[in-house]
Each structure stands twice: as C-alpha cells, then as structure tokens.
N, C-alpha and C. Protein backbone atom coordinates (compact mmCIF):
# COMPACT_ATOMS: atom_id res chain seq x y z
N UNK A 1 10.32 -4.12 6.21
CA UNK A 1 9.61 -4.37 7.27
C UNK A 1 9.58 -3.98 8.16
N UNK A 2 8.90 -2.99 8.99
CA UNK A 2 8.54 -2.56 9.81
C UNK A 2 8.49 -3.45 11.46
N UNK A 3 8.69 -2.84 12.59
CA UNK A 3 8.51 -3.74 13.43
C UNK A 3 7.40 -2.84 14.52
N UNK A 4 6.90 -3.35 15.38
CA UNK A 4 5.81 -2.74 16.80
C UNK A 4 6.66 -3.27 18.19
N UNK A 5 7.32 -2.80 19.08
CA UNK A 5 7.49 -3.67 20.29
C UNK A 5 6.50 -2.76 20.61
N UNK A 6 5.75 -3.98 21.52
CA UNK A 6 5.20 -3.21 22.69
C UNK A 6 4.76 -4.05 23.59
N UNK A 7 4.58 -3.28 25.09
CA UNK A 7 4.82 -3.50 26.31
C UNK A 7 6.14 -4.63 26.81
N UNK A 8 5.89 -5.78 27.44
CA UNK A 8 7.05 -6.51 27.69
C UNK A 8 6.97 -7.71 26.65
N UNK A 9 6.18 -7.66 25.59
CA UNK A 9 6.92 -8.66 24.75
C UNK A 9 7.49 -9.27 24.25
N UNK A 10 8.31 -10.04 24.21
CA UNK A 10 9.77 -10.42 23.50
C UNK A 10 8.80 -10.42 21.84
N UNK A 11 7.83 -11.04 21.51
CA UNK A 11 7.18 -10.64 19.72
C UNK A 11 7.36 -9.87 19.48
N UNK A 12 7.88 -9.43 18.84
CA UNK A 12 7.35 -8.21 17.69
C UNK A 12 6.22 -7.97 16.86
N UNK A 13 6.06 -6.99 16.47
CA UNK A 13 5.03 -7.30 15.76
C UNK A 13 5.49 -6.88 14.05
N UNK A 14 5.45 -7.72 13.45
CA UNK A 14 6.38 -6.87 11.77
C UNK A 14 4.86 -6.55 11.11
N UNK A 15 4.99 -5.31 10.71
CA UNK A 15 4.28 -4.99 9.78
C UNK A 15 4.68 -3.91 8.36
N UNK A 16 4.65 -4.28 7.40
CA UNK A 16 5.64 -3.31 6.67
C UNK A 16 5.46 -1.63 6.60
N UNK A 17 6.32 -1.23 6.25
CA UNK A 17 7.02 -0.07 6.56
C UNK A 17 5.62 1.11 6.51
N UNK A 18 5.19 1.26 4.92
CA UNK A 18 4.17 1.94 4.66
C UNK A 18 2.99 2.13 5.65
N UNK A 19 2.55 0.54 5.64
CA UNK A 19 1.32 0.44 7.10
C UNK A 19 1.75 0.76 8.18
N UNK A 20 2.78 0.32 8.37
CA UNK A 20 3.06 0.49 10.01
C UNK A 20 3.24 2.50 10.21
N UNK A 21 3.82 3.20 9.66
CA UNK A 21 3.64 4.46 8.70
C UNK A 21 2.10 5.18 9.45
N UNK A 22 1.28 5.05 8.29
CA UNK A 22 0.27 5.26 8.41
C UNK A 22 -0.85 4.89 10.14
N UNK A 23 -0.17 3.84 10.73
CA UNK A 23 -0.88 3.40 11.93
C UNK A 23 0.01 4.03 13.12
N UNK A 24 1.29 4.24 12.47
CA UNK A 24 1.90 4.92 13.89
C UNK A 24 1.00 6.16 14.16
N UNK A 25 0.45 7.35 12.99
CA UNK A 25 -0.66 7.92 12.89
C UNK A 25 -1.49 8.31 13.55
N UNK A 26 -2.26 7.58 13.54
CA UNK A 26 -3.29 7.36 14.01
C UNK A 26 -3.29 6.71 15.72
N UNK A 27 -2.48 5.43 16.32
CA UNK A 27 -1.91 5.52 16.98
C UNK A 27 -1.67 6.97 18.31
N UNK A 28 -1.17 7.08 17.52
CA UNK A 28 0.00 8.07 18.58
C UNK A 28 -1.26 8.90 18.86
N UNK A 29 -2.29 9.83 17.50
CA UNK A 29 -2.96 10.57 17.88
C UNK A 29 -3.69 9.90 19.04
N UNK A 30 -4.49 8.61 19.29
CA UNK A 30 -5.78 7.97 20.19
C UNK A 30 -4.51 8.56 21.88
N UNK A 31 -3.39 7.72 21.55
CA UNK A 31 -2.91 7.33 22.52
C UNK A 31 -2.19 9.16 23.39
N UNK A 32 -1.87 10.07 22.17
CA UNK A 32 -1.79 11.27 23.12
C UNK A 32 -2.91 11.73 23.49
N UNK A 33 -4.49 11.68 23.40
CA UNK A 33 -5.59 11.51 23.50
C UNK A 33 -5.98 11.11 25.16
N UNK A 34 -5.23 10.30 25.11
CA UNK A 34 -5.52 9.26 26.96
C UNK A 34 -6.67 7.88 26.67
N UNK A 35 -6.80 7.91 24.83
CA UNK A 35 -7.76 6.36 24.77
C UNK A 35 -6.92 5.60 24.53
N UNK A 36 -7.74 4.42 24.93
CA UNK A 36 -7.25 3.32 24.79
C UNK A 36 -8.05 2.43 23.65
N UNK A 37 -7.86 1.58 23.30
CA UNK A 37 -8.12 0.55 22.20
C UNK A 37 -7.46 -0.31 21.49
N UNK A 38 -8.05 -1.26 20.81
CA UNK A 38 -7.71 -2.34 20.48
C UNK A 38 -7.10 -2.07 18.59
N UNK A 39 -6.09 -2.82 18.35
CA UNK A 39 -5.43 -2.97 17.38
C UNK A 39 -5.74 -4.44 16.38
N UNK A 40 -6.29 -4.67 15.81
CA UNK A 40 -6.12 -6.40 14.71
C UNK A 40 -5.77 -6.15 13.58
N UNK A 41 -5.39 -7.28 12.98
CA UNK A 41 -4.40 -7.08 11.43
C UNK A 41 -4.51 -9.01 11.51
N UNK A 42 -4.22 -9.18 10.20
CA UNK A 42 -4.77 -10.67 9.96
C UNK A 42 -3.17 -11.14 10.06
N UNK A 43 -2.76 -12.45 10.05
CA UNK A 43 -1.58 -12.85 10.20
C UNK A 43 -0.96 -12.41 8.62
N UNK A 44 0.34 -12.09 8.03
CA UNK A 44 0.85 -12.03 7.43
C UNK A 44 1.64 -14.00 6.44
N UNK A 45 1.60 -14.10 4.95
CA UNK A 45 1.73 -15.57 4.67
C UNK A 45 2.38 -16.33 5.45
N UNK A 46 3.75 -15.59 5.69
CA UNK A 46 4.42 -16.47 5.99
C UNK A 46 4.95 -16.85 7.63
N UNK A 47 3.76 -16.78 8.35
CA UNK A 47 2.87 -17.02 9.85
C UNK A 47 2.05 -18.16 9.52
N UNK A 48 1.84 -18.50 11.29
CA UNK A 48 0.53 -19.83 11.22
C UNK A 48 -0.39 -19.05 10.70
N UNK A 49 -2.05 -19.44 9.83
CA UNK A 49 -2.88 -18.85 9.38
C UNK A 49 -3.39 -18.38 10.43
N UNK A 50 -4.66 -17.23 10.73
CA UNK A 50 -4.84 -16.43 11.98
C UNK A 50 -4.83 -15.07 12.19
N UNK A 51 -5.15 -14.82 13.11
CA UNK A 51 -4.97 -12.40 13.05
C UNK A 51 -5.01 -12.26 14.65
N UNK A 52 -4.35 -11.63 15.27
CA UNK A 52 -4.39 -10.87 16.34
C UNK A 52 -4.90 -9.83 16.85
N UNK A 53 -5.25 -9.25 17.64
CA UNK A 53 -5.71 -8.09 18.47
C UNK A 53 -4.63 -7.65 19.99
N UNK A 54 -4.41 -6.50 19.82
CA UNK A 54 -3.48 -6.13 20.62
C UNK A 54 -4.40 -5.41 21.43
N UNK A 55 -4.27 -4.95 22.32
CA UNK A 55 -5.19 -3.78 23.31
C UNK A 55 -4.49 -2.70 23.48
N UNK A 56 -4.12 -1.70 23.45
CA UNK A 56 -3.27 -0.64 23.31
C UNK A 56 -3.54 0.39 24.01
N UNK A 57 -2.71 1.34 25.20
CA UNK A 57 -3.01 2.07 26.43
C UNK A 57 -1.60 3.37 26.97
N UNK A 58 -2.42 3.78 27.08
CA UNK A 58 -1.11 5.16 27.18
C UNK A 58 -0.16 4.77 28.07
N UNK A 59 -0.23 3.99 28.96
CA UNK A 59 0.64 3.62 30.01
C UNK A 59 1.32 2.46 29.47
N UNK A 60 1.57 1.77 29.32
CA UNK A 60 2.24 1.02 27.73
C UNK A 60 3.22 1.16 26.96
N UNK A 61 4.80 0.58 27.42
CA UNK A 61 5.49 1.37 26.50
C UNK A 61 5.42 0.63 24.92
N UNK A 62 5.45 1.56 23.69
CA UNK A 62 5.80 1.17 22.22
C UNK A 62 6.50 2.00 21.77
N UNK A 63 7.19 0.88 20.79
CA UNK A 63 8.17 1.52 19.58
C UNK A 63 8.16 1.06 18.02
N UNK A 64 8.03 1.99 17.70
CA UNK A 64 7.72 1.73 16.26
C UNK A 64 9.27 1.75 15.82
N UNK A 65 9.96 0.73 14.79
CA UNK A 65 11.04 0.42 14.07
C UNK A 65 10.73 0.61 12.81
N UNK A 66 11.53 1.17 11.57
CA UNK A 66 11.13 0.81 10.58
C UNK A 66 12.45 0.59 9.53
N UNK A 67 12.61 -0.19 9.07
CA UNK A 67 13.34 -0.71 7.97
C UNK A 67 13.84 0.93 6.82
N UNK A 68 12.97 1.20 6.57
CA UNK A 68 13.20 2.56 5.79
C UNK A 68 13.63 3.74 6.20
N UNK A 69 14.72 4.39 5.52
CA UNK A 69 15.99 5.09 6.86
C UNK A 69 15.17 6.75 6.52
N UNK A 70 14.21 6.51 5.40
CA UNK A 70 13.32 7.42 4.75
C UNK A 70 11.32 7.61 5.57
N UNK A 71 11.01 8.60 5.97
CA UNK A 71 9.65 8.49 5.66
C UNK A 71 8.77 8.34 4.55
N UNK A 72 8.05 7.96 4.81
CA UNK A 72 7.27 7.33 3.55
C UNK A 72 5.56 8.25 3.79
N UNK A 73 5.65 9.04 2.43
CA UNK A 73 4.47 10.36 1.77
C UNK A 73 3.18 8.97 2.22
N UNK A 74 2.63 9.89 3.18
CA UNK A 74 0.71 9.17 4.17
C UNK A 74 0.04 9.58 3.16
N UNK A 75 -0.70 8.84 2.68
CA UNK A 75 -2.46 9.00 2.40
C UNK A 75 -3.50 9.53 3.77
N UNK A 76 -4.00 10.53 3.15
CA UNK A 76 -4.95 11.37 4.57
C UNK A 76 -5.79 10.41 3.78
N UNK A 77 -6.65 9.59 3.27
CA UNK A 77 -7.71 8.81 3.02
C UNK A 77 -7.09 7.11 3.64
N UNK A 78 -6.07 7.03 3.52
CA UNK A 78 -6.04 5.87 4.75
C UNK A 78 -5.96 6.15 6.05
N UNK A 79 -5.06 7.13 6.08
CA UNK A 79 -4.90 7.70 8.13
C UNK A 79 -6.38 8.05 7.62
N UNK A 80 -7.84 8.36 7.14
CA UNK A 80 -8.65 8.82 7.53
C UNK A 80 -9.66 7.40 8.36
N UNK A 81 -9.70 6.51 6.82
CA UNK A 81 -9.83 5.39 7.41
C UNK A 81 -9.24 4.43 8.49
N UNK A 82 -8.52 4.13 8.48
CA UNK A 82 -7.60 3.56 9.57
C UNK A 82 -8.40 4.88 11.34
N UNK A 83 -8.09 6.01 11.26
CA UNK A 83 -8.84 6.82 12.02
C UNK A 83 -10.25 6.29 12.36
N UNK A 84 -10.71 6.15 11.36
CA UNK A 84 -12.97 5.64 11.72
C UNK A 84 -12.59 4.59 12.22
N UNK A 85 -11.85 3.47 12.06
CA UNK A 85 -11.63 2.02 12.61
C UNK A 85 -11.84 2.37 13.83
N UNK A 86 -10.48 2.97 14.40
CA UNK A 86 -10.11 3.49 15.87
C UNK A 86 -11.26 3.55 16.45
N UNK A 87 -11.90 4.76 16.00
CA UNK A 87 -13.15 5.48 17.01
C UNK A 87 -14.07 4.30 16.98
N UNK A 88 -14.03 3.35 16.64
CA UNK A 88 -15.03 2.02 16.35
C UNK A 88 -15.58 1.46 17.97
N UNK A 89 -16.36 0.08 18.01
CA UNK A 89 -16.15 -0.37 19.31
C UNK A 89 -15.22 -1.32 19.03
N UNK A 90 -15.08 -1.49 17.57
CA UNK A 90 -13.96 -3.16 16.93
C UNK A 90 -13.22 -2.77 17.30
N UNK A 91 -11.95 -1.13 17.53
CA UNK A 91 -10.76 -0.47 17.50
C UNK A 91 -10.10 -0.77 15.35
N UNK A 92 -8.91 -0.22 16.02
CA UNK A 92 -8.03 -0.38 14.66
C UNK A 92 -8.08 -1.70 13.97
N UNK A 93 -8.88 -1.67 12.49
CA UNK A 93 -8.97 -2.90 12.26
C UNK A 93 -7.53 -2.51 10.81
N UNK A 94 -6.54 -3.44 10.97
CA UNK A 94 -5.73 -3.09 9.60
C UNK A 94 -5.92 -3.41 8.78
N UNK A 95 -6.21 -2.46 7.81
CA UNK A 95 -6.76 -2.76 6.33
C UNK A 95 -5.79 -2.74 5.47
N UNK A 96 -5.44 -3.25 3.66
CA UNK A 96 -4.83 -2.67 2.62
C UNK A 96 -5.43 -0.93 2.48
N UNK A 97 -3.92 -0.43 1.89
CA UNK A 97 -4.15 1.28 1.48
C UNK A 97 -5.04 0.50 0.14
N UNK A 98 -5.99 1.52 -0.20
CA UNK A 98 -6.99 1.69 -1.93
C UNK A 98 -6.60 2.67 -2.55
N UNK A 99 -6.26 1.97 -3.44
CA UNK A 99 -5.73 3.22 -4.68
C UNK A 99 -6.75 3.49 -5.37
N UNK A 100 -6.92 4.76 -5.57
CA UNK A 100 -8.39 4.98 -6.93
C UNK A 100 -6.92 5.38 -8.15
N UNK A 101 -7.16 4.26 -9.08
CA UNK A 101 -5.85 4.46 -10.61
C UNK A 101 -7.17 5.00 -11.00
N UNK A 102 -8.55 4.36 -11.29
CA UNK A 102 -9.74 5.04 -12.63
C UNK A 102 -9.34 3.00 -13.28
N UNK A 103 -9.90 3.21 -14.10
CA UNK A 103 -9.76 1.92 -15.71
C UNK A 103 -8.35 1.85 -15.26
N UNK A 104 -8.07 0.40 -15.95
CA UNK A 104 -7.34 0.14 -16.16
C UNK A 104 -7.08 -0.27 -17.86
N UNK A 105 -6.01 0.03 -18.38
CA UNK A 105 -6.76 -0.86 -19.73
C UNK A 105 -6.24 -2.22 -20.80
N UNK A 106 -6.69 -2.36 -21.18
CA UNK A 106 -6.53 -3.63 -21.56
C UNK A 106 -5.22 -3.95 -22.21
N UNK A 107 -5.07 -4.78 -22.75
CA UNK A 107 -3.85 -4.71 -23.63
C UNK A 107 -4.19 -4.69 -25.18
N UNK A 108 -5.45 -5.37 -25.22
CA UNK A 108 -5.78 -5.24 -26.98
C UNK A 108 -6.37 -3.47 -26.72
N UNK A 109 -6.78 -3.16 -26.02
CA UNK A 109 -6.96 -1.38 -26.54
C UNK A 109 -5.70 -0.94 -26.51
N UNK A 110 -4.57 -1.24 -25.83
CA UNK A 110 -3.23 -0.21 -26.06
C UNK A 110 -2.58 -0.24 -27.70
N UNK A 111 -2.94 -1.73 -27.70
CA UNK A 111 -2.35 -2.13 -29.13
C UNK A 111 -3.45 -1.65 -30.10
N UNK A 112 -4.66 -1.70 -29.94
CA UNK A 112 -5.60 -1.52 -30.99
C UNK A 112 -5.73 0.21 -31.58
N UNK A 113 -5.09 0.17 -30.43
CA UNK A 113 -4.97 1.93 -30.36
C UNK A 113 -6.59 2.73 -29.96
N UNK A 114 -7.29 1.76 -29.01
CA UNK A 114 -8.63 2.84 -28.92
C UNK A 114 -8.83 3.22 -28.03
N UNK A 115 -9.47 2.92 -26.25
CA UNK A 115 -9.86 4.65 -25.42
C UNK A 115 -8.01 4.46 -24.36
N UNK A 116 -7.62 3.35 -24.70
CA UNK A 116 -6.16 3.20 -23.88
C UNK A 116 -5.38 3.55 -24.20
N UNK A 117 -5.15 4.21 -25.52
CA UNK A 117 -4.05 4.75 -26.58
C UNK A 117 -3.66 6.10 -26.12
N UNK A 118 -4.20 6.87 -25.89
CA UNK A 118 -4.58 8.16 -24.86
C UNK A 118 -3.49 8.88 -25.92
N UNK A 119 -4.32 9.35 -27.26
CA UNK A 119 -3.96 10.22 -28.44
C UNK A 119 -2.48 10.20 -28.92
N UNK A 120 -2.29 8.74 -28.86
CA UNK A 120 -0.69 8.58 -29.24
C UNK A 120 0.47 8.84 -28.29
N UNK A 121 0.38 9.04 -27.04
CA UNK A 121 1.53 8.92 -26.20
C UNK A 121 1.46 7.92 -25.35
N UNK A 122 1.26 6.63 -25.59
CA UNK A 122 1.32 6.24 -25.34
C UNK A 122 0.31 5.28 -24.39
N UNK A 123 0.58 3.98 -23.68
CA UNK A 123 -0.84 3.79 -22.46
C UNK A 123 -0.39 4.33 -21.12
N UNK A 124 -1.84 5.27 -20.59
CA UNK A 124 -2.31 5.40 -19.50
C UNK A 124 -3.07 4.47 -19.12
N UNK A 125 -3.09 4.23 -17.12
CA UNK A 125 -2.62 3.64 -16.27
C UNK A 125 -3.12 4.00 -15.03
N UNK A 126 -4.51 4.70 -15.41
CA UNK A 126 -4.57 5.73 -14.06
C UNK A 126 -4.50 6.69 -14.13
N UNK A 127 -3.87 6.99 -12.34
CA UNK A 127 -3.18 7.94 -12.47
C UNK A 127 -2.06 8.46 -12.22
N UNK A 128 -0.52 7.29 -12.77
CA UNK A 128 0.38 6.87 -12.80
C UNK A 128 1.09 8.13 -14.25
N UNK A 129 1.93 8.32 -13.76
CA UNK A 129 2.56 9.43 -15.00
C UNK A 129 3.86 8.63 -15.33
N UNK A 130 4.68 8.00 -15.97
CA UNK A 130 5.29 7.41 -16.53
C UNK A 130 6.34 8.25 -17.21
N UNK A 131 7.76 8.61 -17.52
CA UNK A 131 8.41 9.27 -18.08
C UNK A 131 9.07 8.49 -19.67
N UNK A 132 9.74 7.26 -18.83
CA UNK A 132 9.80 6.41 -19.63
C UNK A 132 9.26 4.82 -19.32
N UNK A 133 9.14 3.98 -20.06
CA UNK A 133 9.18 2.88 -19.82
C UNK A 133 10.03 1.86 -20.77
N UNK A 134 10.79 0.85 -20.02
CA UNK A 134 11.34 -0.66 -21.03
C UNK A 134 10.97 -1.52 -20.29
N UNK A 135 10.53 -2.69 -21.50
CA UNK A 135 9.37 -3.50 -21.21
C UNK A 135 10.60 -4.85 -21.95
N UNK A 136 10.94 -5.81 -21.27
CA UNK A 136 11.92 -6.98 -21.82
C UNK A 136 11.33 -8.03 -21.94
N UNK A 137 10.08 -7.98 -21.27
CA UNK A 137 9.88 -9.18 -20.86
C UNK A 137 8.00 -8.90 -20.48
N UNK A 138 6.94 -9.58 -21.15
CA UNK A 138 5.12 -8.94 -20.41
C UNK A 138 4.89 -10.18 -20.24
N UNK A 139 4.29 -10.34 -19.09
CA UNK A 139 3.22 -11.24 -19.03
C UNK A 139 1.92 -10.79 -18.34
N UNK A 140 0.70 -11.28 -18.90
CA UNK A 140 -0.83 -10.73 -18.85
C UNK A 140 -1.55 -12.01 -18.22
N UNK A 141 -1.67 -12.07 -17.13
CA UNK A 141 -3.29 -13.42 -16.80
C UNK A 141 -1.79 -14.05 -16.67
N UNK A 142 -0.47 -14.51 -16.42
CA UNK A 142 -0.38 -15.52 -16.14
C UNK A 142 0.25 -15.61 -18.34
N UNK A 143 0.27 -15.32 -19.74
CA UNK A 143 0.82 -15.13 -20.50
C UNK A 143 1.29 -14.69 -20.81
N UNK A 144 2.96 -14.96 -21.50
CA UNK A 144 4.06 -14.49 -22.13
C UNK A 144 3.91 -13.97 -23.16
N UNK A 145 3.78 -12.47 -23.04
CA UNK A 145 3.33 -12.36 -24.43
C UNK A 145 4.76 -11.71 -25.61
N UNK A 146 4.68 -12.09 -26.55
CA UNK A 146 5.97 -11.71 -27.11
C UNK A 146 6.67 -10.72 -27.09
N UNK A 147 7.77 -10.22 -27.41
CA UNK A 147 8.47 -8.96 -27.68
C UNK A 147 7.92 -7.61 -28.18
N UNK A 148 6.92 -8.41 -29.46
CA UNK A 148 6.55 -7.42 -30.18
C UNK A 148 5.78 -6.22 -29.44
N UNK A 149 4.83 -7.43 -28.64
CA UNK A 149 3.96 -6.49 -27.72
C UNK A 149 3.95 -5.63 -26.86
N UNK A 150 5.42 -6.35 -26.05
CA UNK A 150 6.47 -5.46 -25.36
C UNK A 150 6.23 -4.14 -25.98
N UNK A 151 6.94 -4.01 -26.75
CA UNK A 151 7.57 -3.23 -27.30
C UNK A 151 6.67 -2.24 -27.96
N UNK A 152 5.28 -2.38 -28.03
CA UNK A 152 5.12 -1.84 -28.58
C UNK A 152 3.95 -0.10 -27.46
N UNK A 153 4.04 -1.10 -26.50
CA UNK A 153 3.60 0.02 -25.17
C UNK A 153 4.83 0.33 -24.53
N UNK A 154 6.27 0.22 -24.98
CA UNK A 154 7.05 0.80 -24.81
C UNK A 154 7.46 2.17 -25.48
N UNK A 155 7.34 3.35 -24.80
CA UNK A 155 7.88 5.15 -25.12
C UNK A 155 8.73 5.81 -24.35
N UNK A 156 9.75 5.99 -25.10
CA UNK A 156 10.19 6.94 -24.53
C UNK A 156 10.24 7.98 -24.48
N UNK A 157 9.72 9.38 -23.40
CA UNK A 157 9.50 10.33 -23.27
C UNK A 157 9.66 11.05 -24.54
N UNK A 158 8.96 12.01 -25.71
CA UNK A 158 8.81 13.48 -26.05
C UNK A 158 10.16 14.52 -25.81
N UNK A 159 10.87 14.52 -26.95
CA UNK A 159 12.19 15.24 -26.39
C UNK A 159 10.88 16.57 -26.95
N UNK A 160 9.76 17.70 -26.17
CA UNK A 160 9.88 18.48 -26.45
C UNK A 160 10.26 19.89 -25.92
C-alpha cells in the first residue's frame, strides 16, 4: 500500500502501490506543466464510507511513498485513461485498472475438452501464459470442486 503526503496534512492518503505508480505519472506530468487539478477517489473498505477529493497545485509539497522497493510495470492504457480524466473538468478520478483478458473459459469447457481446452495444452485464460500450475483446492462460484477436477486442469509444461 503506497502513500501520498500532500501539503501540511497530517493525514496520509493510502493507495495501492500499482495504482499510485500510475497516478504519480499523471500527477507529475500535470504539475510539470504548471497545471492545477483535482484528484478524487472512493474510500477503501477499511475506512468510513465515502469519497475524497484533493486540489493539486504545483506550489504545494507532494511526496509519494511506495511499499514495494521495485518499480511496477506501467500500463499505457491506464495512464491514458487517468490522463484523460485529469484533463476533464472533474479532474482525475482514480479508477481501477481494466484488464483485457478475453473470454475466460468455464470449468465445464475445460473438463469437456471444449474451446477452452486449447488443443490439449491445458486451459487458456485470456492472455496469461502459465509454465506450471499446481492446484490443491479449487473453488468456483463458492462451490469447492473435487480434487479430480483440480487435477484435470493442472498441467506441467511439455519438455520440448
């Protein structure tokens, strides 16, 4: 969980590291251009219900602190989405990252060798490549599947 320290506020603003990394790029770009704007977000579940907005201005001190010591890989699409909202009259609205993974197969398709079976190479989940997958317990839609179902989709990589 990352943190923004803004101005003289004694209240730090906690934002997940990956979201904060993307937000930092947009904020730094706007402030570098000497542009003021707002940033809004919904309160996390562990805080009182509601939302907050801060006014960002180049003359007000700002510090970003990340828990993860390694920088995260940035998503150009997410930065563009945040930047577009920064240029609107409503300011930046911190929205969740959208992943385009394509259709996700159902367990029935995977076990029946349907479209999700991917030519006998296991289950394909969107654009995710998995070298190996070990499943001890599999729960789908709140129902725990028997170990035989979990082992049916577990596959070690082929030794080519």
